[in-house]
Full PDB file with SEQRES, HELIX, SHEET, SSBOND, CRYST1, ORIGX, SCALE, CONECT and MASTER records, all heavy atoms in Angstrom:
SEQRES   1 A   30  TYR VAL TYR VAL ARG ALA GLU TYR PRO LEU ALA VAL ALA          
SEQRES   2 A   30  ARG LEU ARG LYS ALA ILE ASP GLN ALA ARG ALA CYS GLY          
SEQRES   3 A   30  LEU LEU GLY LYS                                              
HELIX    1 AA1 PRO A    9  ALA A   24  1                                  16    
CRYST1    1.000    1.000    1.000  90.00  90.00  90.00 P 1           1          
ORIGX1      1.000000  0.000000  0.000000        0.00000                         
ORIGX2      0.000000  1.000000  0.000000        0.00000                         
ORIGX3      0.000000  0.000000  1.000000        0.00000                         
SCALE1      1.000000  0.000000  0.000000        0.00000                         
SCALE2      0.000000  1.000000  0.000000        0.00000                         
SCALE3      0.000000  0.000000  1.000000        0.00000                         
ATOM      1  N   TYR A   1       0.853  -1.207   0.019  1.00  0.00           N  
ATOM      2  CA  TYR A   1       0.023   0.013  -0.007  1.00  0.00           C  
ATOM      3  C   TYR A   1       0.891   1.251  -0.014  1.00  0.00           C  
ATOM      4  O   TYR A   1       1.894   1.286   0.687  1.00  0.00           O  
ATOM      5  CB  TYR A   1      -0.914   0.017   1.233  1.00  0.00           C  
ATOM      6  CG  TYR A   1      -1.919  -1.081   1.323  1.00  0.00           C  
ATOM      7  CD1 TYR A   1      -1.634  -2.264   2.013  1.00  0.00           C  
ATOM      8  CD2 TYR A   1      -3.124  -1.001   0.629  1.00  0.00           C  
ATOM      9  CE1 TYR A   1      -2.524  -3.297   2.095  1.00  0.00           C  
ATOM     10  CE2 TYR A   1      -4.036  -2.034   0.687  1.00  0.00           C  
ATOM     11  CZ  TYR A   1      -3.771  -3.171   1.409  1.00  0.00           C  
ATOM     12  OH  TYR A   1      -4.648  -4.227   1.468  1.00  0.00           O  
ATOM     13  N   VAL A   2       0.455   2.219  -0.808  1.00  0.00           N  
ATOM     14  CA  VAL A   2       1.125   3.525  -0.765  1.00  0.00           C  
ATOM     15  C   VAL A   2       0.182   4.471  -0.010  1.00  0.00           C  
ATOM     16  O   VAL A   2      -0.955   4.716  -0.418  1.00  0.00           O  
ATOM     17  CB  VAL A   2       1.401   4.077  -2.187  1.00  0.00           C  
ATOM     18  CG1 VAL A   2       2.063   5.460  -2.111  1.00  0.00           C  
ATOM     19  CG2 VAL A   2       2.237   3.132  -2.970  1.00  0.00           C  
ATOM     20  N   TYR A   3       0.655   4.962   1.126  1.00  0.00           N  
ATOM     21  CA  TYR A   3      -0.128   5.892   1.936  1.00  0.00           C  
ATOM     22  C   TYR A   3       0.249   7.330   1.533  1.00  0.00           C  
ATOM     23  O   TYR A   3       1.392   7.770   1.818  1.00  0.00           O  
ATOM     24  CB  TYR A   3       0.109   5.652   3.415  1.00  0.00           C  
ATOM     25  CG  TYR A   3      -0.767   6.435   4.356  1.00  0.00           C  
ATOM     26  CD1 TYR A   3      -2.008   5.917   4.763  1.00  0.00           C  
ATOM     27  CD2 TYR A   3      -0.368   7.667   4.850  1.00  0.00           C  
ATOM     28  CE1 TYR A   3      -2.812   6.630   5.637  1.00  0.00           C  
ATOM     29  CE2 TYR A   3      -1.181   8.394   5.712  1.00  0.00           C  
ATOM     30  CZ  TYR A   3      -2.407   7.873   6.097  1.00  0.00           C  
ATOM     31  OH  TYR A   3      -3.223   8.578   6.963  1.00  0.00           O  
ATOM     32  N   VAL A   4      -0.656   8.004   0.862  1.00  0.00           N  
ATOM     33  CA  VAL A   4      -0.291   9.325   0.301  1.00  0.00           C  
ATOM     34  C   VAL A   4      -1.318  10.374   0.744  1.00  0.00           C  
ATOM     35  O   VAL A   4      -2.485  10.090   0.933  1.00  0.00           O  
ATOM     36  CB  VAL A   4      -0.252   9.207  -1.266  1.00  0.00           C  
ATOM     37  CG1 VAL A   4      -1.588   8.796  -1.834  1.00  0.00           C  
ATOM     38  CG2 VAL A   4       0.230  10.530  -1.896  1.00  0.00           C  
ATOM     39  N   ARG A   5      -0.828  11.583   0.889  1.00  0.00           N  
ATOM     40  CA  ARG A   5      -1.696  12.690   1.310  1.00  0.00           C  
ATOM     41  C   ARG A   5      -2.765  12.956   0.272  1.00  0.00           C  
ATOM     42  O   ARG A   5      -2.492  13.053  -0.947  1.00  0.00           O  
ATOM     43  CB  ARG A   5      -0.880  13.952   1.525  1.00  0.00           C  
ATOM     44  CG  ARG A   5       0.200  13.822   2.588  1.00  0.00           C  
ATOM     45  CD  ARG A   5       0.992  15.100   2.719  1.00  0.00           C  
ATOM     46  NE  ARG A   5       0.247  16.099   3.456  1.00  0.00           N  
ATOM     47  CZ  ARG A   5       0.150  16.148   4.755  1.00  0.00           C  
ATOM     48  NH1 ARG A   5       0.756  15.234   5.518  1.00  0.00           N  
ATOM     49  NH2 ARG A   5      -0.524  17.129   5.359  1.00  0.00           N  
ATOM     50  N   ALA A   6      -4.024  13.118   0.727  1.00  0.00           N  
ATOM     51  CA  ALA A   6      -5.093  13.496  -0.147  1.00  0.00           C  
ATOM     52  C   ALA A   6      -4.890  14.871  -0.773  1.00  0.00           C  
ATOM     53  O   ALA A   6      -5.473  15.196  -1.818  1.00  0.00           O  
ATOM     54  CB  ALA A   6      -6.409  13.445   0.605  1.00  0.00           C  
ATOM     55  N   GLU A   7      -4.017  15.713  -0.172  1.00  0.00           N  
ATOM     56  CA  GLU A   7      -3.746  17.035  -0.709  1.00  0.00           C  
ATOM     57  C   GLU A   7      -2.801  16.955  -1.928  1.00  0.00           C  
ATOM     58  O   GLU A   7      -2.465  18.027  -2.501  1.00  0.00           O  
ATOM     59  CB  GLU A   7      -3.090  17.930   0.343  1.00  0.00           C  
ATOM     60  CG  GLU A   7      -3.944  18.216   1.561  1.00  0.00           C  
ATOM     61  CD  GLU A   7      -3.741  17.278   2.715  1.00  0.00           C  
ATOM     62  OE1 GLU A   7      -3.386  16.083   2.469  1.00  0.00           O  
ATOM     63  OE2 GLU A   7      -3.870  17.716   3.867  1.00  0.00           O  
ATOM     64  N   TYR A   8      -2.419  15.771  -2.331  1.00  0.00           N  
ATOM     65  CA  TYR A   8      -1.570  15.584  -3.481  1.00  0.00           C  
ATOM     66  C   TYR A   8      -2.366  14.941  -4.654  1.00  0.00           C  
ATOM     67  O   TYR A   8      -2.069  13.835  -5.078  1.00  0.00           O  
ATOM     68  CB  TYR A   8      -0.392  14.668  -3.144  1.00  0.00           C  
ATOM     69  CG  TYR A   8       0.703  15.281  -2.293  1.00  0.00           C  
ATOM     70  CD1 TYR A   8       1.761  14.469  -1.855  1.00  0.00           C  
ATOM     71  CD2 TYR A   8       0.679  16.633  -1.944  1.00  0.00           C  
ATOM     72  CE1 TYR A   8       2.776  15.025  -1.110  1.00  0.00           C  
ATOM     73  CE2 TYR A   8       1.693  17.148  -1.156  1.00  0.00           C  
ATOM     74  CZ  TYR A   8       2.748  16.356  -0.737  1.00  0.00           C  
ATOM     75  OH  TYR A   8       3.783  16.878   0.012  1.00  0.00           O  
ATOM     76  N   PRO A   9      -3.391  15.596  -5.149  1.00  0.00           N  
ATOM     77  CA  PRO A   9      -4.267  14.955  -6.159  1.00  0.00           C  
ATOM     78  C   PRO A   9      -3.505  14.562  -7.431  1.00  0.00           C  
ATOM     79  O   PRO A   9      -3.810  13.522  -8.035  1.00  0.00           O  
ATOM     80  CB  PRO A   9      -5.322  15.991  -6.462  1.00  0.00           C  
ATOM     81  CG  PRO A   9      -4.750  17.309  -6.013  1.00  0.00           C  
ATOM     82  CD  PRO A   9      -3.869  16.954  -4.848  1.00  0.00           C  
ATOM     83  N   LEU A  10      -2.567  15.397  -7.867  1.00  0.00           N  
ATOM     84  CA  LEU A  10      -1.809  15.075  -9.074  1.00  0.00           C  
ATOM     85  C   LEU A  10      -0.945  13.878  -8.882  1.00  0.00           C  
ATOM     86  O   LEU A  10      -0.887  12.967  -9.758  1.00  0.00           O  
ATOM     87  CB  LEU A  10      -0.969  16.273  -9.514  1.00  0.00           C  
ATOM     88  CG  LEU A  10      -0.172  16.117 -10.804  1.00  0.00           C  
ATOM     89  CD1 LEU A  10      -1.134  15.918 -11.999  1.00  0.00           C  
ATOM     90  CD2 LEU A  10       0.711  17.337 -11.070  1.00  0.00           C  
ATOM     91  N   ALA A  11      -0.282  13.751  -7.725  1.00  0.00           N  
ATOM     92  CA  ALA A  11       0.559  12.611  -7.439  1.00  0.00           C  
ATOM     93  C   ALA A  11      -0.285  11.352  -7.373  1.00  0.00           C  
ATOM     94  O   ALA A  11       0.098  10.286  -7.885  1.00  0.00           O  
ATOM     95  CB  ALA A  11       1.321  12.825  -6.119  1.00  0.00           C  
ATOM     96  N   VAL A  12      -1.466  11.452  -6.719  1.00  0.00           N  
ATOM     97  CA  VAL A  12      -2.342  10.321  -6.601  1.00  0.00           C  
ATOM     98  C   VAL A  12      -2.804   9.855  -7.962  1.00  0.00           C  
ATOM     99  O   VAL A  12      -2.802   8.629  -8.273  1.00  0.00           O  
ATOM    100  CB  VAL A  12      -3.554  10.629  -5.695  1.00  0.00           C  
ATOM    101  CG1 VAL A  12      -4.601   9.536  -5.756  1.00  0.00           C  
ATOM    102  CG2 VAL A  12      -3.106  10.891  -4.272  1.00  0.00           C  
ATOM    103  N   ALA A  13      -3.228  10.773  -8.816  1.00  0.00           N  
ATOM    104  CA  ALA A  13      -3.712  10.422 -10.162  1.00  0.00           C  
ATOM    105  C   ALA A  13      -2.645   9.735 -10.988  1.00  0.00           C  
ATOM    106  O   ALA A  13      -2.905   8.718 -11.673  1.00  0.00           O  
ATOM    107  CB  ALA A  13      -4.230  11.679 -10.883  1.00  0.00           C  
ATOM    108  N   ARG A  14      -1.403  10.259 -10.970  1.00  0.00           N  
ATOM    109  CA  ARG A  14      -0.337   9.670 -11.771  1.00  0.00           C  
ATOM    110  C   ARG A  14       0.120   8.321 -11.187  1.00  0.00           C  
ATOM    111  O   ARG A  14       0.417   7.412 -11.958  1.00  0.00           O  
ATOM    112  CB  ARG A  14       0.840  10.647 -11.888  1.00  0.00           C  
ATOM    113  CG  ARG A  14       0.499  11.838 -12.791  1.00  0.00           C  
ATOM    114  CD  ARG A  14       1.659  12.812 -12.946  1.00  0.00           C  
ATOM    115  NE  ARG A  14       1.223  13.899 -13.801  1.00  0.00           N  
ATOM    116  CZ  ARG A  14       1.935  15.028 -13.966  1.00  0.00           C  
ATOM    117  NH1 ARG A  14       3.072  15.197 -13.317  1.00  0.00           N  
ATOM    118  NH2 ARG A  14       1.497  15.958 -14.763  1.00  0.00           N  
ATOM    119  N   LEU A  15       0.124   8.209  -9.882  1.00  0.00           N  
ATOM    120  CA  LEU A  15       0.483   6.936  -9.278  1.00  0.00           C  
ATOM    121  C   LEU A  15      -0.572   5.893  -9.617  1.00  0.00           C  
ATOM    122  O   LEU A  15      -0.215   4.741  -9.956  1.00  0.00           O  
ATOM    123  CB  LEU A  15       0.591   7.090  -7.776  1.00  0.00           C  
ATOM    124  CG  LEU A  15       0.922   5.826  -6.975  1.00  0.00           C  
ATOM    125  CD1 LEU A  15       2.229   5.223  -7.395  1.00  0.00           C  
ATOM    126  CD2 LEU A  15       0.891   6.087  -5.478  1.00  0.00           C  
ATOM    127  N   ARG A  16      -1.860   6.242  -9.518  1.00  0.00           N  
ATOM    128  CA  ARG A  16      -2.910   5.312  -9.855  1.00  0.00           C  
ATOM    129  C   ARG A  16      -2.800   4.854 -11.322  1.00  0.00           C  
ATOM    130  O   ARG A  16      -2.968   3.670 -11.626  1.00  0.00           O  
ATOM    131  CB  ARG A  16      -4.277   5.974  -9.590  1.00  0.00           C  
ATOM    132  CG  ARG A  16      -5.441   5.039  -9.824  1.00  0.00           C  
ATOM    133  CD  ARG A  16      -6.767   5.639  -9.305  1.00  0.00           C  
ATOM    134  NE  ARG A  16      -6.831   5.545  -7.870  1.00  0.00           N  
ATOM    135  CZ  ARG A  16      -7.092   6.588  -7.061  1.00  0.00           C  
ATOM    136  NH1 ARG A  16      -7.236   7.795  -7.574  1.00  0.00           N  
ATOM    137  NH2 ARG A  16      -7.175   6.427  -5.737  1.00  0.00           N  
ATOM    138  N   LYS A  17      -2.517   5.790 -12.194  1.00  0.00           N  
ATOM    139  CA  LYS A  17      -2.390   5.398 -13.618  1.00  0.00           C  
ATOM    140  C   LYS A  17      -1.165   4.496 -13.794  1.00  0.00           C  
ATOM    141  O   LYS A  17      -1.228   3.511 -14.605  1.00  0.00           O  
ATOM    142  CB  LYS A  17      -2.227   6.687 -14.465  1.00  0.00           C  
ATOM    143  CG  LYS A  17      -2.252   6.414 -15.980  1.00  0.00           C  
ATOM    144  CD  LYS A  17      -2.440   7.698 -16.767  1.00  0.00           C  
ATOM    145  CE  LYS A  17      -2.669   7.395 -18.238  1.00  0.00           C  
ATOM    146  NZ  LYS A  17      -2.935   8.628 -18.999  1.00  0.00           N  
ATOM    147  N   ALA A  18      -0.079   4.794 -13.109  1.00  0.00           N  
ATOM    148  CA  ALA A  18       1.130   3.962 -13.242  1.00  0.00           C  
ATOM    149  C   ALA A  18       0.847   2.541 -12.702  1.00  0.00           C  
ATOM    150  O   ALA A  18       1.294   1.546 -13.299  1.00  0.00           O  
ATOM    151  CB  ALA A  18       2.271   4.567 -12.439  1.00  0.00           C  
ATOM    152  N   ILE A  19       0.119   2.414 -11.621  1.00  0.00           N  
ATOM    153  CA  ILE A  19      -0.230   1.086 -11.057  1.00  0.00           C  
ATOM    154  C   ILE A  19      -1.104   0.313 -12.092  1.00  0.00           C  
ATOM    155  O   ILE A  19      -0.857  -0.880 -12.337  1.00  0.00           O  
ATOM    156  CB  ILE A  19      -0.946   1.217  -9.726  1.00  0.00           C  
ATOM    157  CG1 ILE A  19       0.017   1.699  -8.639  1.00  0.00           C  
ATOM    158  CG2 ILE A  19      -1.613  -0.106  -9.293  1.00  0.00           C  
ATOM    159  CD1 ILE A  19      -0.645   2.021  -7.314  1.00  0.00           C  
ATOM    160  N   ASP A  20      -2.061   0.974 -12.711  1.00  0.00           N  
ATOM    161  CA  ASP A  20      -2.906   0.364 -13.694  1.00  0.00           C  
ATOM    162  C   ASP A  20      -2.079  -0.142 -14.900  1.00  0.00           C  
ATOM    163  O   ASP A  20      -2.287  -1.240 -15.418  1.00  0.00           O  
ATOM    164  CB  ASP A  20      -3.988   1.323 -14.182  1.00  0.00           C  
ATOM    165  CG  ASP A  20      -5.052   1.579 -13.123  1.00  0.00           C  
ATOM    166  OD1 ASP A  20      -5.123   0.803 -12.146  1.00  0.00           O  
ATOM    167  OD2 ASP A  20      -5.786   2.576 -13.254  1.00  0.00           O  
ATOM    168  N   GLN A  21      -1.113   0.696 -15.302  1.00  0.00           N  
ATOM    169  CA  GLN A  21      -0.293   0.331 -16.452  1.00  0.00           C  
ATOM    170  C   GLN A  21       0.611  -0.872 -16.103  1.00  0.00           C  
ATOM    171  O   GLN A  21       0.784  -1.796 -16.929  1.00  0.00           O  
ATOM    172  CB  GLN A  21       0.558   1.502 -16.907  1.00  0.00           C  
ATOM    173  CG  GLN A  21      -0.224   2.630 -17.574  1.00  0.00           C  
ATOM    174  CD  GLN A  21       0.636   3.834 -17.903  1.00  0.00           C  
ATOM    175  OE1 GLN A  21       1.736   3.993 -17.336  1.00  0.00           O  
ATOM    176  NE2 GLN A  21       0.156   4.670 -18.771  1.00  0.00           N  
ATOM    177  N   ALA A  22       1.176  -0.846 -14.901  1.00  0.00           N  
ATOM    178  CA  ALA A  22       2.047  -1.949 -14.478  1.00  0.00           C  
ATOM    179  C   ALA A  22       1.281  -3.245 -14.420  1.00  0.00           C  
ATOM    180  O   ALA A  22       1.768  -4.329 -14.798  1.00  0.00           O  
ATOM    181  CB  ALA A  22       2.690  -1.636 -13.115  1.00  0.00           C  
ATOM    182  N   ARG A  23       0.011  -3.177 -13.948  1.00  0.00           N  
ATOM    183  CA  ARG A  23      -0.820  -4.367 -13.885  1.00  0.00           C  
ATOM    184  C   ARG A  23      -1.108  -4.876 -15.305  1.00  0.00           C  
ATOM    185  O   ARG A  23      -1.014  -6.071 -15.584  1.00  0.00           O  
ATOM    186  CB  ARG A  23      -2.175  -4.020 -13.235  1.00  0.00           C  
ATOM    187  CG  ARG A  23      -2.125  -4.081 -11.724  1.00  0.00           C  
ATOM    188  CD  ARG A  23      -3.572  -4.234 -11.178  1.00  0.00           C  
ATOM    189  NE  ARG A  23      -3.576  -3.862  -9.754  1.00  0.00           N  
ATOM    190  CZ  ARG A  23      -4.180  -2.755  -9.305  1.00  0.00           C  
ATOM    191  NH1 ARG A  23      -4.772  -1.942 -10.167  1.00  0.00           N  
ATOM    192  NH2 ARG A  23      -4.144  -2.498  -8.013  1.00  0.00           N  
ATOM    193  N   ALA A  24      -1.436  -3.954 -16.189  1.00  0.00           N  
ATOM    194  CA  ALA A  24      -1.761  -4.333 -17.574  1.00  0.00           C  
ATOM    195  C   ALA A  24      -0.598  -5.018 -18.250  1.00  0.00           C  
ATOM    196  O   ALA A  24      -0.738  -5.887 -19.091  1.00  0.00           O  
ATOM    197  CB  ALA A  24      -2.204  -3.115 -18.399  1.00  0.00           C  
ATOM    198  N   CYS A  25       0.605  -4.601 -17.897  1.00  0.00           N  
ATOM    199  CA  CYS A  25       1.845  -5.162 -18.508  1.00  0.00           C  
ATOM    200  C   CYS A  25       2.324  -6.425 -17.778  1.00  0.00           C  
ATOM    201  O   CYS A  25       3.332  -7.012 -18.146  1.00  0.00           O  
ATOM    202  CB  CYS A  25       2.953  -4.144 -18.510  1.00  0.00           C  
ATOM    203  SG  CYS A  25       2.705  -2.782 -19.641  1.00  0.00           S  
ATOM    204  N   GLY A  26       1.618  -6.817 -16.737  1.00  0.00           N  
ATOM    205  CA  GLY A  26       2.017  -8.011 -15.960  1.00  0.00           C  
ATOM    206  C   GLY A  26       3.192  -7.787 -15.054  1.00  0.00           C  
ATOM    207  O   GLY A  26       3.825  -8.723 -14.581  1.00  0.00           O  
ATOM    208  N   LEU A  27       3.454  -6.479 -14.714  1.00  0.00           N  
ATOM    209  CA  LEU A  27       4.544  -6.166 -13.821  1.00  0.00           C  
ATOM    210  C   LEU A  27       4.082  -5.966 -12.396  1.00  0.00           C  
ATOM    211  O   LEU A  27       4.873  -5.762 -11.495  1.00  0.00           O  
ATOM    212  CB  LEU A  27       5.285  -4.882 -14.336  1.00  0.00           C  
ATOM    213  CG  LEU A  27       5.955  -5.096 -15.697  1.00  0.00           C  
ATOM    214  CD1 LEU A  27       6.286  -3.750 -16.326  1.00  0.00           C  
ATOM    215  CD2 LEU A  27       7.189  -5.995 -15.613  1.00  0.00           C  
ATOM    216  N   LEU A  28       2.791  -6.060 -12.199  1.00  0.00           N  
ATOM    217  CA  LEU A  28       2.127  -6.230 -10.920  1.00  0.00           C  
ATOM    218  C   LEU A  28       1.077  -7.306 -11.115  1.00  0.00           C  
ATOM    219  O   LEU A  28       0.543  -7.473 -12.216  1.00  0.00           O  
ATOM    220  CB  LEU A  28       1.446  -4.933 -10.462  1.00  0.00           C  
ATOM    221  CG  LEU A  28       2.321  -3.806  -9.908  1.00  0.00           C  
ATOM    222  CD1 LEU A  28       1.443  -2.579  -9.603  1.00  0.00           C  
ATOM    223  CD2 LEU A  28       3.078  -4.212  -8.678  1.00  0.00           C  
ATOM    224  N   GLY A  29       0.789  -8.054 -10.059  1.00  0.00           N  
ATOM    225  CA  GLY A  29      -0.199  -9.093 -10.161  1.00  0.00           C  
ATOM    226  C   GLY A  29       0.348 -10.462  -9.918  1.00  0.00           C  
ATOM    227  O   GLY A  29       1.330 -10.654  -9.186  1.00  0.00           O  
ATOM    228  N   LYS A  30      -0.258 -11.439 -10.544  1.00  0.00           N  
ATOM    229  CA  LYS A  30       0.114 -12.863 -10.349  1.00  0.00           C  
ATOM    230  C   LYS A  30       1.324 -13.240 -11.244  1.00  0.00           C  
ATOM    231  O   LYS A  30       1.382 -12.894 -12.397  1.00  0.00           O  
ATOM    232  CB  LYS A  30      -1.056 -13.785 -10.686  1.00  0.00           C  
ATOM    233  CG  LYS A  30      -2.329 -13.532  -9.848  1.00  0.00           C  
ATOM    234  CD  LYS A  30      -2.125 -13.963  -8.402  1.00  0.00           C  
ATOM    235  CE  LYS A  30      -3.410 -13.837  -7.621  1.00  0.00           C  
ATOM    236  NZ  LYS A  30      -3.265 -14.148  -6.184  1.00  0.00           N  
TER     237      LYS A  30                                                      
MASTER        0    0    0    1    0    0    0    6  236    1    0    3          
END                                                                             
């Protein structure tokens, strides 16, 4: 888990997108 400040909306959005991309590429997951 990444615990991030809610006051960092841009960081949260880019991190969420990066996590989704890593999952799609099989670099996160099973």
